[in-house]
Amino acid sequence: MQIQYGSSRNLNLISYLAISNQIECLYLRKGPFVDEKKIQQLKNKNIDFIQVNCIYIIKRLATNILFKSDIKKEEPKIRNILVFTIGPILISSIIFQPFFKKIIIVIEGLGRVFSSRLIYFRFIKRFIQQYYKVIFSKCKYVVTLNYSDATYLTQLNISSVDKVKVIPGTGFNIESLQKSGDFSKKTPKYIDFIARSLPEKGFYDFIFMRQYLIRHYPELAKSFPFRIITPKSDIEKLSSKVSYINSLGIIIKPYIIDPYNYYKESKAIILPTTYGEGLSRVVIEAVYFEIPLLVSRNQGTEEILPYNYKYFTISKNPSVLIAQLLRILNDQEYIHKTFKEQKKVIETFYSTKKSIEIMETYLN
């Protein structure tokens, strides 16, 4: 089996697949959530990692065009080609053209191309929609992580309803969570933003919430330190902004693949995102650990939280977000009761094992 993946958050899924499959992992880049230790462990399980660069692409294209006999020899060895995220999807449609009927495309979320209001993203969206329509018609299946994305793809006739399948995420490891420590001993103190530092994720909303709190509630601002947990590569891109963000009393920490120690210190998590979420791992983990969660209502969060959850954000105005934050911090009984009930749903439907169980029906 060949897998093209866009983020090492899929490594949980890959490791499960490796139990009964020989895996060849192709990647464009290791991504912002890379875990070298995890990759090395998988290499020791005879999982091959191959970077897709210009040389690799040229070789594959040459084989497709000039060496038809090699394609026939290779075909029986490839049972499925599993493809994640937009870059690998587009490239796979070119380099694996002879094996189109073995390609399973996993849409982890429609992403910023489909959710951004910026004009150039709108142009890109139109192109991607038409390109997807062509390649989705030829592939084996299109897999989404929530039913809203599945509905979107079929309503716009981007994919036919019989090809679209839904799985409950790609990398939520319940066993790892259960081994992560005693959360009854947690010491919550930070108001957290845990995501990529993108405008669509609500990064700047979070910063201006802090500014508003300092100006209007200076004493509370001293009691509630804010913290941004984002990939190391994103922190590097912020460069000169880091010192200003720190001056507001916001700590910046690098995201790690299993950030359970961060959760132990989290008083609340704020995610005012407009991003095209698939199935937010942070939301799942916040519910699992009963951390108060102030989050935008979208296709990925509605899938996890109850439809009548009180603390879906109703605005991106900092004054409203701060008012909601203060309310949720004083509503611990509601959070405990709601998340305790939802935790049972997560354990039943959203584990990596459950995703694999469903995915294997498509792979076979």
Protein backbone atom coordinates (compact mmCIF):
# COMPACT_ATOMS: atom_id res chain seq x y z
CA MET A 1 0.00 0.00 0.00
CA GLN A 2 1.24 3.49 -0.79
CA ILE A 3 0.24 6.46 1.34
CA GLN A 4 0.78 10.11 0.49
CA TYR A 5 0.32 12.09 3.67
CA GLY A 6 0.43 15.79 4.45
CA SER A 7 0.81 15.75 8.23
CA SER A 8 2.44 13.44 10.75
CA ARG A 9 -0.81 13.54 12.74
CA ASN A 10 -1.77 10.70 10.38
CA LEU A 11 1.04 8.54 11.76
CA ASN A 12 -1.32 6.87 14.24
CA LEU A 13 -3.45 5.68 11.34
CA ILE A 14 -0.36 4.63 9.36
CA SER A 15 0.98 2.57 12.27
CA TYR A 16 -2.33 0.71 12.59
CA LEU A 17 -2.42 0.00 8.84
CA ALA A 18 1.14 -1.34 9.04
CA ILE A 19 -0.02 -4.22 11.25
CA SER A 20 -1.55 -6.00 8.26
CA ASN A 21 -0.07 -4.10 5.28
CA GLN A 22 3.32 -3.32 3.79
CA ILE A 23 3.38 0.50 3.74
CA GLU A 24 5.28 2.93 1.55
CA CYS A 25 4.79 6.51 2.79
CA LEU A 26 5.35 9.28 0.28
CA TYR A 27 5.49 12.88 1.51
CA LEU A 28 6.04 16.32 -0.02
CA ARG A 29 7.26 17.75 3.28
CA LYS A 30 7.13 16.49 6.83
CA GLY A 31 4.71 19.22 7.85
CA PRO A 32 4.44 21.45 10.93
CA PHE A 33 3.45 18.63 13.32
CA VAL A 34 6.37 16.34 12.48
CA ASP A 35 7.44 13.83 15.12
CA GLU A 36 10.85 12.45 14.12
CA LYS A 37 10.84 9.93 16.97
CA LYS A 38 7.52 8.47 15.78
CA ILE A 39 8.76 8.32 12.18
CA GLN A 40 11.91 6.47 13.28
CA GLN A 41 9.82 3.94 15.21
CA LEU A 42 7.73 3.32 12.09
CA LYS A 43 10.84 2.90 9.94
CA ASN A 44 11.88 0.12 12.29
CA LYS A 45 8.59 -1.61 11.46
CA ASN A 46 9.65 -1.80 7.79
CA ILE A 47 7.59 1.19 6.75
CA ASP A 48 9.44 3.06 4.02
CA PHE A 49 9.37 6.88 3.91
CA ILE A 50 10.09 8.48 0.54
CA GLN A 51 10.13 12.22 -0.13
CA VAL A 52 8.36 13.21 -3.32
CA ASN A 53 10.66 15.70 -5.02
CA CYS A 54 11.22 16.73 -8.65
CA ILE A 55 13.44 13.72 -9.36
CA TYR A 56 10.85 11.28 -8.00
CA ILE A 57 8.07 12.91 -10.05
CA ILE A 58 10.15 12.82 -13.27
CA LYS A 59 10.99 9.13 -12.73
CA ARG A 60 7.34 8.23 -12.16
CA LEU A 61 6.19 10.17 -15.22
CA ALA A 62 8.89 8.55 -17.34
CA THR A 63 7.79 5.10 -16.15
CA ASN A 64 4.13 5.92 -16.90
CA ILE A 65 4.92 7.06 -20.44
CA LEU A 66 7.90 4.97 -21.55
CA PHE A 67 7.92 1.76 -19.53
CA LYS A 68 4.44 0.25 -19.76
CA SER A 69 5.83 -3.20 -18.91
CA ASP A 70 7.11 -1.89 -15.57
CA ILE A 71 3.62 -0.55 -14.81
CA LYS A 72 2.12 -4.02 -15.39
CA LYS A 73 4.69 -5.58 -13.02
CA GLU A 74 4.04 -2.93 -10.37
CA GLU A 75 0.24 -3.04 -10.48
CA PRO A 76 -0.29 -6.33 -8.56
CA LYS A 77 1.97 -5.05 -5.76
CA ILE A 78 -0.14 -1.93 -5.16
CA ARG A 79 -3.41 -2.76 -3.41
CA ASN A 80 -4.44 0.81 -2.51
CA ILE A 81 -3.02 4.31 -2.75
CA LEU A 82 -4.22 6.38 0.20
CA VAL A 83 -3.85 10.14 -0.29
CA PHE A 84 -4.20 12.95 2.28
CA THR A 85 -4.40 16.76 1.88
CA ILE A 86 -4.59 18.97 -1.17
CA GLY A 87 -0.92 18.91 -2.33
CA PRO A 88 -0.58 15.11 -2.40
CA ILE A 89 -4.06 14.82 -3.97
CA LEU A 90 -3.10 17.03 -6.92
CA ILE A 91 0.33 15.41 -7.45
CA SER A 92 -0.99 11.84 -7.04
CA SER A 93 -3.53 12.46 -9.80
CA ILE A 94 -0.58 13.02 -12.15
CA ILE A 95 2.11 10.56 -11.07
CA PHE A 96 -0.25 7.66 -10.26
CA GLN A 97 -2.49 8.14 -13.28
CA PRO A 98 -2.20 4.44 -14.34
CA PHE A 99 -3.47 3.36 -10.90
CA PHE A 100 -6.38 5.80 -10.56
CA LYS A 101 -8.89 3.12 -9.62
CA LYS A 102 -6.77 2.20 -6.59
CA ILE A 103 -6.60 5.73 -5.20
CA ILE A 104 -8.57 6.54 -2.03
CA ILE A 105 -8.60 10.29 -1.41
CA VAL A 106 -8.97 11.45 2.21
CA ILE A 107 -10.26 15.02 2.64
CA GLU A 108 -9.16 15.91 6.19
CA GLY A 109 -11.05 19.19 5.93
CA LEU A 110 -11.91 21.50 3.07
CA GLY A 111 -9.32 23.91 4.52
CA ARG A 112 -8.58 27.56 3.85
CA VAL A 113 -8.97 27.24 0.07
CA PHE A 114 -12.69 26.57 0.56
CA SER A 115 -13.26 28.77 3.64
CA SER A 116 -11.11 31.88 3.12
CA ARG A 117 -12.77 35.12 2.00
CA LEU A 118 -9.60 36.39 0.31
CA ILE A 119 -10.10 37.00 -3.41
CA TYR A 120 -7.13 34.91 -4.61
CA PHE A 121 -8.32 31.94 -2.57
CA ARG A 122 -11.74 32.27 -4.23
CA PHE A 123 -10.09 31.96 -7.65
CA ILE A 124 -8.05 28.97 -6.49
CA LYS A 125 -11.24 27.42 -5.07
CA ARG A 126 -12.94 27.52 -8.48
CA PHE A 127 -9.99 25.79 -10.12
CA ILE A 128 -9.71 23.18 -7.34
CA GLN A 129 -13.44 22.42 -7.51
CA GLN A 130 -13.22 21.66 -11.23
CA TYR A 131 -10.00 19.66 -10.85
CA TYR A 132 -11.45 17.67 -7.96
CA LYS A 133 -14.52 16.91 -10.06
CA VAL A 134 -12.31 15.29 -12.71
CA ILE A 135 -10.06 13.24 -10.41
CA PHE A 136 -12.85 12.26 -7.99
CA SER A 137 -14.77 10.73 -10.88
CA LYS A 138 -11.84 8.37 -11.59
CA CYS A 139 -10.62 7.40 -8.11
CA LYS A 140 -11.83 4.50 -5.97
CA TYR A 141 -13.35 6.49 -3.07
CA VAL A 142 -13.40 9.99 -1.57
CA VAL A 143 -13.30 9.90 2.24
CA THR A 144 -14.24 12.87 4.45
CA LEU A 145 -13.99 13.28 8.22
CA ASN A 146 -17.45 14.77 8.71
CA TYR A 147 -20.86 14.53 7.10
CA SER A 148 -21.07 18.24 6.25
CA ASP A 149 -18.04 17.98 3.92
CA ALA A 150 -19.53 14.85 2.35
CA THR A 151 -22.78 16.72 1.73
CA TYR A 152 -20.90 19.72 0.29
CA LEU A 153 -18.98 17.58 -2.22
CA THR A 154 -22.12 15.82 -3.45
CA GLN A 155 -24.43 18.86 -3.53
CA LEU A 156 -21.99 20.75 -5.75
CA ASN A 157 -21.60 17.62 -7.89
CA ILE A 158 -17.86 17.51 -7.17
CA SER A 159 -18.21 13.81 -6.37
CA SER A 160 -20.98 11.26 -6.77
CA VAL A 161 -22.79 10.16 -3.63
CA ASP A 162 -21.83 6.49 -4.03
CA LYS A 163 -18.10 7.34 -3.90
CA VAL A 164 -18.12 9.58 -0.82
CA LYS A 165 -17.47 7.82 2.50
CA VAL A 166 -17.13 9.22 6.03
CA ILE A 167 -14.67 8.13 8.73
CA PRO A 168 -14.43 9.60 12.28
CA GLY A 169 -10.96 11.18 12.01
CA THR A 170 -7.51 9.82 11.23
CA GLY A 171 -5.38 10.00 14.34
CA PHE A 172 -7.10 10.20 17.74
CA ASN A 173 -5.38 7.64 19.95
CA ILE A 174 -7.58 6.83 22.98
CA GLU A 175 -5.00 4.41 24.43
CA SER A 176 -2.34 7.12 24.39
CA LEU A 177 -4.70 9.53 26.16
CA GLN A 178 -5.49 7.00 28.85
CA LYS A 179 -1.75 6.53 29.51
CA SER A 180 -1.09 10.27 29.57
CA GLY A 181 -1.38 10.69 33.32
CA ASP A 182 -3.74 11.52 36.13
CA PHE A 183 -5.77 14.54 35.07
CA SER A 184 -7.36 14.81 38.50
CA LYS A 185 -4.03 16.45 39.46
CA LYS A 186 -4.13 19.08 36.72
CA THR A 187 -3.16 22.68 37.54
CA PRO A 188 -5.17 24.87 35.13
CA LYS A 189 -3.89 28.42 34.75
CA TYR A 190 -3.67 29.34 31.05
CA ILE A 191 -6.24 30.53 28.53
CA ASP A 192 -5.03 28.62 25.47
CA PHE A 193 -5.09 28.93 21.71
CA ILE A 194 -3.95 25.60 20.23
CA ALA A 195 -3.75 25.73 16.43
CA ARG A 196 -1.78 26.94 13.43
CA SER A 197 -1.10 30.69 13.68
CA LEU A 198 -3.35 31.44 10.70
CA PRO A 199 -5.90 34.28 10.49
CA GLU A 200 -8.59 31.74 9.54
CA LYS A 201 -7.87 29.78 12.73
CA GLY A 202 -8.63 32.85 14.86
CA PHE A 203 -5.00 33.64 15.75
CA TYR A 204 -5.43 37.43 15.68
CA ASP A 205 -8.85 37.23 17.37
CA PHE A 206 -7.06 35.60 20.29
CA ILE A 207 -4.41 38.34 20.45
CA PHE A 208 -7.03 41.12 20.40
CA MET A 209 -9.00 39.32 23.10
CA ARG A 210 -5.90 39.69 25.26
CA GLN A 211 -5.60 43.39 24.42
CA TYR A 212 -9.25 43.94 25.30
CA LEU A 213 -8.87 42.07 28.62
CA ILE A 214 -5.82 44.16 29.59
CA ARG A 215 -7.63 47.44 28.85
CA HIS A 216 -11.03 46.67 30.37
CA TYR A 217 -10.22 44.08 33.06
CA PRO A 218 -6.57 44.73 34.06
CA GLU A 219 -6.84 42.79 37.33
CA LEU A 220 -8.34 39.77 35.59
CA ALA A 221 -5.62 39.97 32.93
CA LYS A 222 -3.03 39.42 35.70
CA SER A 223 -4.92 36.33 36.90
CA PHE A 224 -5.50 34.84 33.44
CA PRO A 225 -2.24 34.42 31.48
CA PHE A 226 -2.82 33.63 27.80
CA ARG A 227 -0.83 31.01 25.89
CA ILE A 228 -0.43 30.20 22.19
CA ILE A 229 0.53 26.63 21.31
CA THR A 230 1.43 26.44 17.64
CA PRO A 231 3.88 24.52 15.41
CA LYS A 232 7.54 25.48 15.70
CA SER A 233 7.62 26.41 11.99
CA ASP A 234 4.77 28.89 12.59
CA ILE A 235 6.63 30.44 15.52
CA GLU A 236 9.64 30.97 13.25
CA LYS A 237 7.40 32.73 10.69
CA LEU A 238 6.08 35.09 13.37
CA SER A 239 9.71 36.27 13.97
CA SER A 240 9.51 39.96 14.98
CA LYS A 241 5.91 39.66 16.21
CA VAL A 242 6.93 37.27 18.99
CA SER A 243 8.38 39.95 21.30
CA TYR A 244 5.23 42.10 20.92
CA ILE A 245 2.95 39.10 21.62
CA ASN A 246 5.04 38.25 24.70
CA SER A 247 4.76 41.86 25.91
CA LEU A 248 0.98 41.38 26.10
CA GLY A 249 1.47 38.57 28.58
CA ILE A 250 0.97 35.82 26.00
CA ILE A 251 3.35 32.87 26.21
CA ILE A 252 4.18 31.06 22.94
CA LYS A 253 5.00 27.35 23.05
CA PRO A 254 5.72 24.87 20.22
CA TYR A 255 3.00 22.33 19.49
CA ILE A 256 4.01 18.71 20.05
CA ILE A 257 2.29 15.62 18.68
CA ASP A 258 0.99 14.54 22.12
CA PRO A 259 0.50 17.82 24.03
CA TYR A 260 -1.06 16.32 27.18
CA ASN A 261 1.13 18.28 29.60
CA TYR A 262 -0.20 21.47 28.01
CA TYR A 263 -3.76 20.30 28.61
CA LYS A 264 -3.02 19.79 32.31
CA GLU A 265 -2.29 23.52 32.57
CA SER A 266 -5.22 24.69 30.45
CA LYS A 267 -8.01 26.67 32.13
CA ALA A 268 -9.91 27.11 28.84
CA ILE A 269 -9.29 26.74 25.10
CA ILE A 270 -10.37 29.42 22.61
CA LEU A 271 -10.79 28.50 18.91
CA PRO A 272 -12.65 31.28 17.02
CA THR A 273 -11.89 29.56 13.71
CA THR A 274 -13.43 30.14 10.29
CA TYR A 275 -11.13 27.48 8.78
CA GLY A 276 -12.69 24.55 6.91
CA GLU A 277 -12.13 22.09 9.76
CA GLY A 278 -12.35 18.36 9.15
CA LEU A 279 -12.57 16.87 12.63
CA SER A 280 -10.69 19.01 15.14
CA ARG A 281 -8.35 16.90 17.24
CA VAL A 282 -7.98 19.76 19.76
CA VAL A 283 -11.77 19.89 20.25
CA ILE A 284 -11.93 16.10 20.75
CA GLU A 285 -9.11 16.21 23.31
CA ALA A 286 -10.55 19.24 25.13
CA VAL A 287 -13.87 17.41 25.52
CA TYR A 288 -12.05 14.24 26.62
CA PHE A 289 -10.17 16.15 29.34
CA GLU A 290 -13.21 18.31 30.26
CA ILE A 291 -11.45 21.60 29.44
CA PRO A 292 -13.87 24.55 28.94
CA LEU A 293 -14.04 25.19 25.21
CA LEU A 294 -15.09 28.37 23.42
CA VAL A 295 -15.22 27.46 19.75
CA SER A 296 -16.78 28.50 16.45
CA ARG A 297 -19.69 26.49 15.13
CA ASN A 298 -18.58 24.81 11.91
CA GLN A 299 -18.76 21.44 10.17
CA GLY A 300 -15.86 19.95 12.14
CA THR A 301 -16.88 21.15 15.62
CA GLU A 302 -20.60 20.40 15.25
CA GLU A 303 -19.69 16.78 14.59
CA ILE A 304 -18.10 16.46 18.06
CA LEU A 305 -20.04 18.81 20.35
CA PRO A 306 -23.77 18.52 21.18
CA TYR A 307 -25.98 20.57 18.85
CA ASN A 308 -27.19 22.68 21.82
CA TYR A 309 -23.71 23.33 23.29
CA LYS A 310 -23.92 26.72 25.06
CA TYR A 311 -20.47 28.00 24.19
CA PHE A 312 -20.26 28.01 20.44
CA THR A 313 -18.92 31.51 19.71
CA ILE A 314 -21.56 33.92 18.49
CA SER A 315 -19.15 36.66 17.44
CA LYS A 316 -15.52 37.44 16.64
CA ASN A 317 -15.76 40.73 18.53
CA PRO A 318 -13.18 40.64 21.39
CA SER A 319 -15.65 42.15 23.90
CA VAL A 320 -18.17 39.37 23.19
CA LEU A 321 -15.51 36.65 23.26
CA ILE A 322 -14.20 37.89 26.63
CA ALA A 323 -17.76 38.01 28.03
CA GLN A 324 -18.30 34.41 26.86
CA LEU A 325 -14.94 33.37 28.32
CA LEU A 326 -15.80 34.78 31.75
CA ARG A 327 -19.17 33.04 31.61
CA ILE A 328 -17.71 29.64 30.69
CA LEU A 329 -15.09 29.82 33.45
CA ASN A 330 -17.93 30.17 35.97
CA ASP A 331 -19.93 27.31 34.48
CA GLN A 332 -17.76 24.33 35.39
CA GLU A 333 -20.72 22.18 36.39
CA TYR A 334 -22.23 22.48 32.90
CA ILE A 335 -18.86 21.70 31.24
CA HIS A 336 -18.30 18.66 33.46
CA LYS A 337 -21.78 17.24 32.84
CA THR A 338 -21.82 17.95 29.07
CA PHE A 339 -18.30 16.71 28.36
CA LYS A 340 -18.66 13.65 30.57
CA GLU A 341 -21.62 12.55 28.43
CA GLN A 342 -19.82 13.45 25.20
CA LYS A 343 -16.69 11.58 26.30
CA LYS A 344 -18.61 8.30 25.98
CA VAL A 345 -19.48 9.24 22.38
CA ILE A 346 -15.81 10.01 21.64
CA GLU A 347 -14.61 6.69 23.07
CA THR A 348 -17.23 4.81 21.03
CA PHE A 349 -16.98 6.59 17.68
CA TYR A 350 -13.79 8.67 17.35
CA SER A 351 -10.82 6.46 18.21
CA THR A 352 -8.14 5.62 15.64
CA LYS A 353 -9.14 1.95 15.96
CA LYS A 354 -12.71 2.85 14.96
CA SER A 355 -11.44 4.85 11.98
CA ILE A 356 -9.27 1.91 10.87
CA GLU A 357 -12.16 -0.51 11.30
CA ILE A 358 -14.27 1.57 8.91
CA MET A 359 -11.37 2.41 6.57
CA GLU A 360 -10.43 -1.25 6.12
CA THR A 361 -13.88 -1.99 4.67
CA TYR A 362 -12.99 0.49 1.90
CA LEU A 363 -9.39 -0.76 1.53
CA ASN A 364 -10.61 -4.33 1.02
